[in-house]
Amino acid sequence: MGAFTATTQVSAASGSPKVVVFTALGPASYDAGGSVIDLSVATLGAFTGFTTVHSASIVSSTAAHTCNFIRGAANAGKIVVFNAVAADGGDEASGDLSGSTFRVTVVGV
């Protein structure tokens, strides 16, 4: 089971809700149906981590991908990655995505 890893905070706005933009690395072994991303305080720290994620969007990728965020537990979810250059434009990605980085915007508390 692969997981996305949040690596670099790009910007953050505190308040209620707070908004954090960060870069995430793709997993070495992408899971069909989406790979998990942990957005918790334990993982990201008190200022950038979340106890509850209201929404998240993947605003860019270094490869030809489009992405969806599927909310899971209170402070986690899955990122589903699609190959934007596939013949139908919507085939789900597969395999090693560790060479791809994703810009993620998260809103929550």
PDB file of N, CA and C in Angstrom:
ATOM      1  N   MET A   1       0.846  -1.177   0.000  1.00  0.00           N
ATOM      2  CA  MET A   1       0.000   0.000   0.000  1.00  0.00           C
ATOM      3  C   MET A   1       0.889   1.237   0.000  1.00  0.00           C
ATOM      4  N   GLY A   2       0.698   2.108  -0.976  1.00  0.00           N
ATOM      5  CA  GLY A   2       1.483   3.323  -1.086  1.00  0.00           C
ATOM      6  C   GLY A   2       0.813   4.480  -0.367  1.00  0.00           C
ATOM      7  N   ALA A   3       1.575   5.511  -0.104  1.00  0.00           N
ATOM      8  CA  ALA A   3       1.027   6.704   0.535  1.00  0.00           C
ATOM      9  C   ALA A   3       1.725   7.930  -0.017  1.00  0.00           C
ATOM     10  N   PHE A   4       0.964   8.994  -0.182  1.00  0.00           N
ATOM     11  CA  PHE A   4       1.537  10.279  -0.534  1.00  0.00           C
ATOM     12  C   PHE A   4       2.214  10.847   0.704  1.00  0.00           C
ATOM     13  N   THR A   5       3.284  11.606   0.514  1.00  0.00           N
ATOM     14  CA  THR A   5       4.015  12.189   1.618  1.00  0.00           C
ATOM     15  C   THR A   5       4.046  13.701   1.456  1.00  0.00           C
ATOM     16  N   ALA A   6       3.495  14.416   2.434  1.00  0.00           N
ATOM     17  CA  ALA A   6       3.557  15.876   2.419  1.00  0.00           C
ATOM     18  C   ALA A   6       4.985  16.281   2.750  1.00  0.00           C
ATOM     19  N   THR A   7       5.585  17.128   1.908  1.00  0.00           N
ATOM     20  CA  THR A   7       7.003  17.424   2.098  1.00  0.00           C
ATOM     21  C   THR A   7       7.294  18.882   2.412  1.00  0.00           C
ATOM     22  N   THR A   8       6.784  19.801   1.625  1.00  0.00           N
ATOM     23  CA  THR A   8       7.163  21.196   1.758  1.00  0.00           C
ATOM     24  C   THR A   8       5.934  22.076   1.871  1.00  0.00           C
ATOM     25  N   GLN A   9       5.842  22.821   2.963  1.00  0.00           N
ATOM     26  CA  GLN A   9       4.747  23.785   3.091  1.00  0.00           C
ATOM     27  C   GLN A   9       5.055  24.970   2.191  1.00  0.00           C
ATOM     28  N   VAL A  10       4.073  25.342   1.376  1.00  0.00           N
ATOM     29  CA  VAL A  10       4.247  26.470   0.471  1.00  0.00           C
ATOM     30  C   VAL A  10       3.681  27.732   1.093  1.00  0.00           C
ATOM     31  N   SER A  11       2.490  27.632   1.685  1.00  0.00           N
ATOM     32  CA  SER A  11       1.892  28.767   2.386  1.00  0.00           C
ATOM     33  C   SER A  11       0.858  28.253   3.369  1.00  0.00           C
ATOM     34  N   ALA A  12       0.529  29.093   4.333  1.00  0.00           N
ATOM     35  CA  ALA A  12      -0.483  28.721   5.324  1.00  0.00           C
ATOM     36  C   ALA A  12      -1.159  29.985   5.835  1.00  0.00           C
ATOM     37  N   ALA A  13      -2.448  29.883   6.060  1.00  0.00           N
ATOM     38  CA  ALA A  13      -3.215  30.975   6.641  1.00  0.00           C
ATOM     39  C   ALA A  13      -3.947  30.414   7.850  1.00  0.00           C
ATOM     40  N   SER A  14      -3.614  30.917   9.032  1.00  0.00           N
ATOM     41  CA  SER A  14      -4.263  30.419  10.240  1.00  0.00           C
ATOM     42  C   SER A  14      -5.624  31.061  10.393  1.00  0.00           C
ATOM     43  N   GLY A  15      -6.415  30.503  11.242  1.00  0.00           N
ATOM     44  CA  GLY A  15      -7.764  30.984  11.483  1.00  0.00           C
ATOM     45  C   GLY A  15      -8.684  29.794  11.521  1.00  0.00           C
ATOM     46  N   SER A  16      -9.943  30.062  11.418  1.00  0.00           N
ATOM     47  CA  SER A  16     -10.904  28.962  11.434  1.00  0.00           C
ATOM     48  C   SER A  16     -11.885  29.169  10.294  1.00  0.00           C
ATOM     49  N   PRO A  17     -11.763  28.445   9.214  1.00  0.00           N
ATOM     50  CA  PRO A  17     -10.801  27.359   9.005  1.00  0.00           C
ATOM     51  C   PRO A  17      -9.439  27.884   8.582  1.00  0.00           C
ATOM     52  N   LYS A  18      -8.441  27.010   8.663  1.00  0.00           N
ATOM     53  CA  LYS A  18      -7.121  27.372   8.148  1.00  0.00           C
ATOM     54  C   LYS A  18      -6.950  26.758   6.764  1.00  0.00           C
ATOM     55  N   VAL A  19      -6.078  27.377   5.985  1.00  0.00           N
ATOM     56  CA  VAL A  19      -5.799  26.921   4.631  1.00  0.00           C
ATOM     57  C   VAL A  19      -4.295  26.700   4.524  1.00  0.00           C
ATOM     58  N   VAL A  20      -3.899  25.511   4.094  1.00  0.00           N
ATOM     59  CA  VAL A  20      -2.485  25.193   3.953  1.00  0.00           C
ATOM     60  C   VAL A  20      -2.249  24.665   2.542  1.00  0.00           C
ATOM     61  N   VAL A  21      -1.209  25.170   1.907  1.00  0.00           N
ATOM     62  CA  VAL A  21      -0.797  24.690   0.597  1.00  0.00           C
ATOM     63  C   VAL A  21       0.566  24.030   0.777  1.00  0.00           C
ATOM     64  N   PHE A  22       0.709  22.804   0.273  1.00  0.00           N
ATOM     65  CA  PHE A  22       1.981  22.121   0.400  1.00  0.00           C
ATOM     66  C   PHE A  22       2.240  21.252  -0.819  1.00  0.00           C
ATOM     67  N   THR A  23       3.475  20.807  -0.932  1.00  0.00           N
ATOM     68  CA  THR A  23       3.876  19.894  -1.984  1.00  0.00           C
ATOM     69  C   THR A  23       3.885  18.484  -1.409  1.00  0.00           C
ATOM     70  N   ALA A  24       3.373  17.529  -2.171  1.00  0.00           N
ATOM     71  CA  ALA A  24       3.367  16.129  -1.752  1.00  0.00           C
ATOM     72  C   ALA A  24       4.059  15.291  -2.809  1.00  0.00           C
ATOM     73  N   LEU A  25       4.789  14.299  -2.353  1.00  0.00           N
ATOM     74  CA  LEU A  25       5.435  13.350  -3.258  1.00  0.00           C
ATOM     75  C   LEU A  25       4.518  12.170  -3.499  1.00  0.00           C
ATOM     76  N   GLY A  26       4.474  11.694  -4.731  1.00  0.00           N
ATOM     77  CA  GLY A  26       3.677  10.521  -5.053  1.00  0.00           C
ATOM     78  C   GLY A  26       4.278   9.262  -4.436  1.00  0.00           C
ATOM     79  N   PRO A  27       3.471   8.225  -4.282  1.00  0.00           N
ATOM     80  CA  PRO A  27       3.958   6.979  -3.702  1.00  0.00           C
ATOM     81  C   PRO A  27       4.738   6.141  -4.711  1.00  0.00           C
ATOM     82  N   ALA A  28       5.646   5.317  -4.207  1.00  0.00           N
ATOM     83  CA  ALA A  28       6.402   4.408  -5.070  1.00  0.00           C
ATOM     84  C   ALA A  28       5.506   3.293  -5.598  1.00  0.00           C
ATOM     85  N   SER A  29       4.436   3.001  -4.868  1.00  0.00           N
ATOM     86  CA  SER A  29       3.506   1.954  -5.281  1.00  0.00           C
ATOM     87  C   SER A  29       2.084   2.489  -5.155  1.00  0.00           C
ATOM     88  N   TYR A  30       1.585   3.093  -6.234  1.00  0.00           N
ATOM     89  CA  TYR A  30       0.252   3.696  -6.224  1.00  0.00           C
ATOM     90  C   TYR A  30      -0.815   2.606  -6.147  1.00  0.00           C
ATOM     91  N   ASP A  31      -1.825   2.805  -5.274  1.00  0.00           N
ATOM     92  CA  ASP A  31      -2.909   1.846  -5.088  1.00  0.00           C
ATOM     93  C   ASP A  31      -4.073   2.160  -6.015  1.00  0.00           C
ATOM     94  N   ALA A  32      -4.591   1.157  -6.700  1.00  0.00           N
ATOM     95  CA  ALA A  32      -5.802   1.347  -7.505  1.00  0.00           C
ATOM     96  C   ALA A  32      -6.899   1.869  -6.587  1.00  0.00           C
ATOM     97  N   GLY A  33      -7.598   2.885  -7.026  1.00  0.00           N
ATOM     98  CA  GLY A  33      -8.639   3.488  -6.203  1.00  0.00           C
ATOM     99  C   GLY A  33      -8.130   4.614  -5.326  1.00  0.00           C
ATOM    100  N   GLY A  34      -6.834   4.900  -5.387  1.00  0.00           N
ATOM    101  CA  GLY A  34      -6.273   6.024  -4.645  1.00  0.00           C
ATOM    102  C   GLY A  34      -5.327   5.606  -3.547  1.00  0.00           C
ATOM    103  N   SER A  35      -4.332   6.437  -3.299  1.00  0.00           N
ATOM    104  CA  SER A  35      -3.389   6.209  -2.212  1.00  0.00           C
ATOM    105  C   SER A  35      -3.637   7.231  -1.114  1.00  0.00           C
ATOM    106  N   VAL A  36      -3.370   6.821   0.107  1.00  0.00           N
ATOM    107  CA  VAL A  36      -3.669   7.614   1.295  1.00  0.00           C
ATOM    108  C   VAL A  36      -2.720   8.799   1.419  1.00  0.00           C
ATOM    109  N   ILE A  37      -3.245   9.905   1.957  1.00  0.00           N
ATOM    110  CA  ILE A  37      -2.416  11.020   2.395  1.00  0.00           C
ATOM    111  C   ILE A  37      -2.842  11.369   3.815  1.00  0.00           C
ATOM    112  N   ASP A  38      -1.871  11.422   4.710  1.00  0.00           N
ATOM    113  CA  ASP A  38      -2.111  11.714   6.117  1.00  0.00           C
ATOM    114  C   ASP A  38      -1.910  13.212   6.328  1.00  0.00           C
ATOM    115  N   LEU A  39      -2.948  13.896   6.740  1.00  0.00           N
ATOM    116  CA  LEU A  39      -2.902  15.351   6.936  1.00  0.00           C
ATOM    117  C   LEU A  39      -2.999  15.720   8.412  1.00  0.00           C
ATOM    118  N   SER A  40      -2.656  14.797   9.292  1.00  0.00           N
ATOM    119  CA  SER A  40      -2.842  14.978  10.730  1.00  0.00           C
ATOM    120  C   SER A  40      -1.797  15.895  11.346  1.00  0.00           C
ATOM    121  N   VAL A  41      -2.128  16.388  12.524  1.00  0.00           N
ATOM    122  CA  VAL A  41      -1.202  17.196  13.308  1.00  0.00           C
ATOM    123  C   VAL A  41       0.039  16.369  13.641  1.00  0.00           C
ATOM    124  N   ALA A  42      -0.155  15.079  13.930  1.00  0.00           N
ATOM    125  CA  ALA A  42       0.976  14.210  14.269  1.00  0.00           C
ATOM    126  C   ALA A  42       1.986  14.142  13.133  1.00  0.00           C
ATOM    127  N   THR A  43       1.515  14.188  11.904  1.00  0.00           N
ATOM    128  CA  THR A  43       2.398  14.099  10.742  1.00  0.00           C
ATOM    129  C   THR A  43       2.931  15.458  10.310  1.00  0.00           C
ATOM    130  N   LEU A  44       2.074  16.466  10.244  1.00  0.00           N
ATOM    131  CA  LEU A  44       2.449  17.759   9.670  1.00  0.00           C
ATOM    132  C   LEU A  44       2.810  18.831  10.693  1.00  0.00           C
ATOM    133  N   GLY A  45       2.541  18.581  11.978  1.00  0.00           N
ATOM    134  CA  GLY A  45       2.828  19.581  13.000  1.00  0.00           C
ATOM    135  C   GLY A  45       1.598  20.406  13.342  1.00  0.00           C
ATOM    136  N   ALA A  46       1.669  21.114  14.447  1.00  0.00           N
ATOM    137  CA  ALA A  46       0.506  21.835  14.980  1.00  0.00           C
ATOM    138  C   ALA A  46      -0.008  22.918  14.045  1.00  0.00           C
ATOM    139  N   PHE A  47       0.888  23.631  13.374  1.00  0.00           N
ATOM    140  CA  PHE A  47       0.440  24.746  12.544  1.00  0.00           C
ATOM    141  C   PHE A  47      -0.121  24.283  11.207  1.00  0.00           C
ATOM    142  N   THR A  48       0.490  23.277  10.601  1.00  0.00           N
ATOM    143  CA  THR A  48       0.055  22.863   9.270  1.00  0.00           C
ATOM    144  C   THR A  48      -0.794  21.606   9.262  1.00  0.00           C
ATOM    145  N   GLY A  49      -0.857  20.891  10.385  1.00  0.00           N
ATOM    146  CA  GLY A  49      -1.654  19.671  10.438  1.00  0.00           C
ATOM    147  C   GLY A  49      -3.113  19.956  10.748  1.00  0.00           C
ATOM    148  N   PHE A  50      -3.954  18.946  10.544  1.00  0.00           N
ATOM    149  CA  PHE A  50      -5.394  19.098  10.705  1.00  0.00           C
ATOM    150  C   PHE A  50      -5.962  18.033  11.636  1.00  0.00           C
ATOM    151  N   THR A  51      -6.978  18.426  12.393  1.00  0.00           N
ATOM    152  CA  THR A  51      -7.771  17.442  13.122  1.00  0.00           C
ATOM    153  C   THR A  51      -8.984  17.057  12.289  1.00  0.00           C
ATOM    154  N   THR A  52      -9.471  17.994  11.458  1.00  0.00           N
ATOM    155  CA  THR A  52     -10.579  17.725  10.543  1.00  0.00           C
ATOM    156  C   THR A  52     -10.306  18.412   9.212  1.00  0.00           C
ATOM    157  N   VAL A  53     -10.372  17.650   8.143  1.00  0.00           N
ATOM    158  CA  VAL A  53     -10.215  18.204   6.797  1.00  0.00           C
ATOM    159  C   VAL A  53     -11.600  18.438   6.220  1.00  0.00           C
ATOM    160  N   HIS A  54     -11.877  19.690   5.829  1.00  0.00           N
ATOM    161  CA  HIS A  54     -13.158  20.003   5.182  1.00  0.00           C
ATOM    162  C   HIS A  54     -13.091  19.722   3.683  1.00  0.00           C
ATOM    163  N   SER A  55     -11.985  20.115   3.075  1.00  0.00           N
ATOM    164  CA  SER A  55     -11.817  19.861   1.641  1.00  0.00           C
ATOM    165  C   SER A  55     -10.339  19.911   1.286  1.00  0.00           C
ATOM    166  N   ALA A  56     -10.019  19.316   0.183  1.00  0.00           N
ATOM    167  CA  ALA A  56      -8.654  19.369  -0.343  1.00  0.00           C
ATOM    168  C   ALA A  56      -8.740  19.323  -1.853  1.00  0.00           C
ATOM    169  N   SER A  57      -7.832  20.005  -2.486  1.00  0.00           N
ATOM    170  CA  SER A  57      -7.775  19.944  -3.942  1.00  0.00           C
ATOM    171  C   SER A  57      -6.327  19.856  -4.374  1.00  0.00           C
ATOM    172  N   ILE A  58      -6.114  19.142  -5.436  1.00  0.00           N
ATOM    173  CA  ILE A  58      -4.788  19.000  -5.989  1.00  0.00           C
ATOM    174  C   ILE A  58      -4.745  19.959  -7.170  1.00  0.00           C
ATOM    175  N   VAL A  59      -3.956  21.013  -7.024  1.00  0.00           N
ATOM    176  CA  VAL A  59      -4.009  22.102  -7.995  1.00  0.00           C
ATOM    177  C   VAL A  59      -2.983  21.973  -9.110  1.00  0.00           C
ATOM    178  N   SER A  60      -1.963  21.124  -8.922  1.00  0.00           N
ATOM    179  CA  SER A  60      -1.016  20.921 -10.004  1.00  0.00           C
ATOM    180  C   SER A  60      -0.219  19.641  -9.769  1.00  0.00           C
ATOM    181  N   SER A  61       0.410  19.176 -10.831  1.00  0.00           N
ATOM    182  CA  SER A  61       1.234  17.976 -10.796  1.00  0.00           C
ATOM    183  C   SER A  61       2.385  18.179 -11.757  1.00  0.00           C
ATOM    184  N   THR A  62       3.538  17.598 -11.436  1.00  0.00           N
ATOM    185  CA  THR A  62       4.686  17.725 -12.335  1.00  0.00           C
ATOM    186  C   THR A  62       4.551  16.821 -13.553  1.00  0.00           C
ATOM    187  N   ALA A  63       3.609  15.909 -13.539  1.00  0.00           N
ATOM    188  CA  ALA A  63       3.365  15.031 -14.685  1.00  0.00           C
ATOM    189  C   ALA A  63       1.971  15.331 -15.233  1.00  0.00           C
ATOM    190  N   ALA A  64       1.601  14.655 -16.282  1.00  0.00           N
ATOM    191  CA  ALA A  64       0.295  14.887 -16.913  1.00  0.00           C
ATOM    192  C   ALA A  64      -0.787  14.112 -16.148  1.00  0.00           C
ATOM    193  N   HIS A  65      -1.134  14.631 -14.982  1.00  0.00           N
ATOM    194  CA  HIS A  65      -2.137  13.989 -14.137  1.00  0.00           C
ATOM    195  C   HIS A  65      -3.265  14.953 -13.807  1.00  0.00           C
ATOM    196  N   THR A  66      -4.434  14.401 -13.629  1.00  0.00           N
ATOM    197  CA  THR A  66      -5.516  15.110 -12.957  1.00  0.00           C
ATOM    198  C   THR A  66      -5.812  14.291 -11.708  1.00  0.00           C
ATOM    199  N   CYS A  67      -6.320  14.943 -10.676  1.00  0.00           N
ATOM    200  CA  CYS A  67      -6.471  14.257  -9.392  1.00  0.00           C
ATOM    201  C   CYS A  67      -7.790  14.609  -8.725  1.00  0.00           C
ATOM    202  N   ASN A  68      -8.252  13.696  -7.902  1.00  0.00           N
ATOM    203  CA  ASN A  68      -9.406  13.915  -7.030  1.00  0.00           C
ATOM    204  C   ASN A  68      -8.994  13.584  -5.613  1.00  0.00           C
ATOM    205  N   PHE A  69      -9.595  14.275  -4.656  1.00  0.00           N
ATOM    206  CA  PHE A  69      -9.381  13.967  -3.244  1.00  0.00           C
ATOM    207  C   PHE A  69     -10.649  13.320  -2.711  1.00  0.00           C
ATOM    208  N   ILE A  70     -10.505  12.185  -2.062  1.00  0.00           N
ATOM    209  CA  ILE A  70     -11.640  11.505  -1.437  1.00  0.00           C
ATOM    210  C   ILE A  70     -11.419  11.558   0.063  1.00  0.00           C
ATOM    211  N   ARG A  71     -12.286  12.271   0.739  1.00  0.00           N
ATOM    212  CA  ARG A  71     -12.148  12.434   2.186  1.00  0.00           C
ATOM    213  C   ARG A  71     -12.364  11.096   2.873  1.00  0.00           C
ATOM    214  N   GLY A  72     -11.488  10.802   3.813  1.00  0.00           N
ATOM    215  CA  GLY A  72     -11.584   9.560   4.575  1.00  0.00           C
ATOM    216  C   GLY A  72     -11.868   9.868   6.022  1.00  0.00           C
ATOM    217  N   ALA A  73     -10.981   9.394   6.889  1.00  0.00           N
ATOM    218  CA  ALA A  73     -11.096   9.694   8.322  1.00  0.00           C
ATOM    219  C   ALA A  73     -10.976  11.202   8.503  1.00  0.00           C
ATOM    220  N   ALA A  74     -11.181  11.676   9.702  1.00  0.00           N
ATOM    221  CA  ALA A  74     -11.234  13.110   9.989  1.00  0.00           C
ATOM    222  C   ALA A  74     -10.066  13.895   9.397  1.00  0.00           C
ATOM    223  N   ASN A  75      -8.871  13.354   9.469  1.00  0.00           N
ATOM    224  CA  ASN A  75      -7.705  14.129   9.035  1.00  0.00           C
ATOM    225  C   ASN A  75      -6.873  13.390   7.984  1.00  0.00           C
ATOM    226  N   ALA A  76      -7.532  12.566   7.198  1.00  0.00           N
ATOM    227  CA  ALA A  76      -6.833  11.841   6.139  1.00  0.00           C
ATOM    228  C   ALA A  76      -7.774  11.661   4.960  1.00  0.00           C
ATOM    229  N   GLY A  77      -7.268  11.133   3.912  1.00  0.00           N
ATOM    230  CA  GLY A  77      -8.077  10.865   2.737  1.00  0.00           C
ATOM    231  C   GLY A  77      -7.230  10.157   1.709  1.00  0.00           C
ATOM    232  N   LYS A  78      -7.770  10.043   0.517  1.00  0.00           N
ATOM    233  CA  LYS A  78      -7.056   9.420  -0.581  1.00  0.00           C
ATOM    234  C   LYS A  78      -6.971  10.397  -1.737  1.00  0.00           C
ATOM    235  N   ILE A  79      -5.856  10.351  -2.427  1.00  0.00           N
ATOM    236  CA  ILE A  79      -5.723  11.085  -3.671  1.00  0.00           C
ATOM    237  C   ILE A  79      -5.797  10.059  -4.790  1.00  0.00           C
ATOM    238  N   VAL A  80      -6.759  10.262  -5.683  1.00  0.00           N
ATOM    239  CA  VAL A  80      -6.914   9.398  -6.843  1.00  0.00           C
ATOM    240  C   VAL A  80      -6.304  10.137  -8.037  1.00  0.00           C
ATOM    241  N   VAL A  81      -5.398   9.481  -8.736  1.00  0.00           N
ATOM    242  CA  VAL A  81      -4.643  10.104  -9.819  1.00  0.00           C
ATOM    243  C   VAL A  81      -5.064   9.496 -11.153  1.00  0.00           C
ATOM    244  N   PHE A  82      -5.320  10.367 -12.113  1.00  0.00           N
ATOM    245  CA  PHE A  82      -5.698   9.934 -13.452  1.00  0.00           C
ATOM    246  C   PHE A  82      -4.650  10.395 -14.455  1.00  0.00           C
ATOM    247  N   ASN A  83      -4.437   9.624 -15.475  1.00  0.00           N
ATOM    248  CA  ASN A  83      -3.500   9.932 -16.535  1.00  0.00           C
ATOM    249  C   ASN A  83      -4.203  10.853 -17.535  1.00  0.00           C
ATOM    250  N   ALA A  84      -3.843  12.111 -17.536  1.00  0.00           N
ATOM    251  CA  ALA A  84      -4.522  13.099 -18.375  1.00  0.00           C
ATOM    252  C   ALA A  84      -4.233  12.935 -19.859  1.00  0.00           C
ATOM    253  N   VAL A  85      -3.195  12.183 -20.210  1.00  0.00           N
ATOM    254  CA  VAL A  85      -2.876  12.021 -21.620  1.00  0.00           C
ATOM    255  C   VAL A  85      -3.341  10.681 -22.181  1.00  0.00           C
ATOM    256  N   ALA A  86      -4.078   9.919 -21.392  1.00  0.00           N
ATOM    257  CA  ALA A  86      -4.634   8.655 -21.890  1.00  0.00           C
ATOM    258  C   ALA A  86      -5.619   8.955 -23.014  1.00  0.00           C
ATOM    259  N   ALA A  87      -5.851   7.986 -23.848  1.00  0.00           N
ATOM    260  CA  ALA A  87      -6.729   8.172 -25.007  1.00  0.00           C
ATOM    261  C   ALA A  87      -8.088   8.713 -24.600  1.00  0.00           C
ATOM    262  N   ASP A  88      -8.621   8.237 -23.478  1.00  0.00           N
ATOM    263  CA  ASP A  88      -9.925   8.729 -23.034  1.00  0.00           C
ATOM    264  C   ASP A  88      -9.798   9.836 -21.990  1.00  0.00           C
ATOM    265  N   GLY A  89      -8.562  10.177 -21.626  1.00  0.00           N
ATOM    266  CA  GLY A  89      -8.330  11.260 -20.678  1.00  0.00           C
ATOM    267  C   GLY A  89      -8.693  10.926 -19.257  1.00  0.00           C
ATOM    268  N   GLY A  90      -9.011   9.686 -18.966  1.00  0.00           N
ATOM    269  CA  GLY A  90      -9.453   9.392 -17.616  1.00  0.00           C
ATOM    270  C   GLY A  90      -9.003   8.074 -17.045  1.00  0.00           C
ATOM    271  N   ASP A  91      -8.015   7.439 -17.649  1.00  0.00           N
ATOM    272  CA  ASP A  91      -7.522   6.188 -17.082  1.00  0.00           C
ATOM    273  C   ASP A  91      -6.807   6.473 -15.769  1.00  0.00           C
ATOM    274  N   GLU A  92      -7.088   5.644 -14.765  1.00  0.00           N
ATOM    275  CA  GLU A  92      -6.415   5.829 -13.489  1.00  0.00           C
ATOM    276  C   GLU A  92      -4.947   5.470 -13.648  1.00  0.00           C
ATOM    277  N   ALA A  93      -4.096   6.253 -12.992  1.00  0.00           N
ATOM    278  CA  ALA A  93      -2.660   6.005 -13.032  1.00  0.00           C
ATOM    279  C   ALA A  93      -2.348   4.685 -12.340  1.00  0.00           C
ATOM    280  N   SER A  94      -1.155   4.190 -12.557  1.00  0.00           N
ATOM    281  CA  SER A  94      -0.736   2.969 -11.891  1.00  0.00           C
ATOM    282  C   SER A  94       0.769   2.986 -11.716  1.00  0.00           C
ATOM    283  N   GLY A  95       1.253   2.124 -10.833  1.00  0.00           N
ATOM    284  CA  GLY A  95       2.690   1.950 -10.674  1.00  0.00           C
ATOM    285  C   GLY A  95       3.360   2.987  -9.801  1.00  0.00           C
ATOM    286  N   ASP A  96       4.578   3.317 -10.174  1.00  0.00           N
ATOM    287  CA  ASP A  96       5.451   4.173  -9.382  1.00  0.00           C
ATOM    288  C   ASP A  96       5.206   5.648  -9.721  1.00  0.00           C
ATOM    289  N   LEU A  97       4.714   6.409  -8.753  1.00  0.00           N
ATOM    290  CA  LEU A  97       4.500   7.852  -8.934  1.00  0.00           C
ATOM    291  C   LEU A  97       5.482   8.666  -8.095  1.00  0.00           C
ATOM    292  N   SER A  98       6.529   8.001  -7.581  1.00  0.00           N
ATOM    293  CA  SER A  98       7.456   8.690  -6.680  1.00  0.00           C
ATOM    294  C   SER A  98       8.226   9.815  -7.364  1.00  0.00           C
ATOM    295  N   GLY A  99       8.284   9.812  -8.677  1.00  0.00           N
ATOM    296  CA  GLY A  99       8.949  10.894  -9.395  1.00  0.00           C
ATOM    297  C   GLY A  99       8.055  12.097  -9.640  1.00  0.00           C
ATOM    298  N   SER A 100       6.801  12.009  -9.226  1.00  0.00           N
ATOM    299  CA  SER A 100       5.846  13.100  -9.435  1.00  0.00           C
ATOM    300  C   SER A 100       5.601  13.849  -8.128  1.00  0.00           C
ATOM    301  N   THR A 101       5.489  15.160  -8.237  1.00  0.00           N
ATOM    302  CA  THR A 101       5.098  15.967  -7.079  1.00  0.00           C
ATOM    303  C   THR A 101       3.763  16.620  -7.365  1.00  0.00           C
ATOM    304  N   PHE A 102       3.004  16.836  -6.314  1.00  0.00           N
ATOM    305  CA  PHE A 102       1.657  17.362  -6.408  1.00  0.00           C
ATOM    306  C   PHE A 102       1.519  18.558  -5.473  1.00  0.00           C
ATOM    307  N   ARG A 103       0.878  19.611  -5.934  1.00  0.00           N
ATOM    308  CA  ARG A 103       0.603  20.774  -5.101  1.00  0.00           C
ATOM    309  C   ARG A 103      -0.813  20.609  -4.563  1.00  0.00           C
ATOM    310  N   VAL A 104      -0.938  20.599  -3.240  1.00  0.00           N
ATOM    311  CA  VAL A 104      -2.204  20.295  -2.575  1.00  0.00           C
ATOM    312  C   VAL A 104      -2.635  21.481  -1.715  1.00  0.00           C
ATOM    313  N   THR A 105      -3.896  21.880  -1.847  1.00  0.00           N
ATOM    314  CA  THR A 105      -4.473  22.924  -0.995  1.00  0.00           C
ATOM    315  C   THR A 105      -5.509  22.259  -0.086  1.00  0.00           C
ATOM    316  N   VAL A 106      -5.368  22.480   1.222  1.00  0.00           N
ATOM    317  CA  VAL A 106      -6.244  21.836   2.202  1.00  0.00           C
ATOM    318  C   VAL A 106      -6.903  22.912   3.059  1.00  0.00           C
ATOM    319  N   VAL A 107      -8.220  22.721   3.305  1.00  0.00           N
ATOM    320  CA  VAL A 107      -8.985  23.606   4.170  1.00  0.00           C
ATOM    321  C   VAL A 107      -9.547  22.764   5.314  1.00  0.00           C
ATOM    322  N   GLY A 108      -9.386  23.232   6.538  1.00  0.00           N
ATOM    323  CA  GLY A 108      -9.908  22.487   7.684  1.00  0.00           C
ATOM    324  C   GLY A 108      -9.523  23.156   8.982  1.00  0.00           C
ATOM    325  N   VAL A 109      -9.614  22.399  10.065  1.00  0.00           N
ATOM    326  CA  VAL A 109      -9.255  22.882  11.390  1.00  0.00           C
ATOM    327  C   VAL A 109      -8.302  21.912  12.054  1.00  0.00           C
TER     328      VAL A 109
END
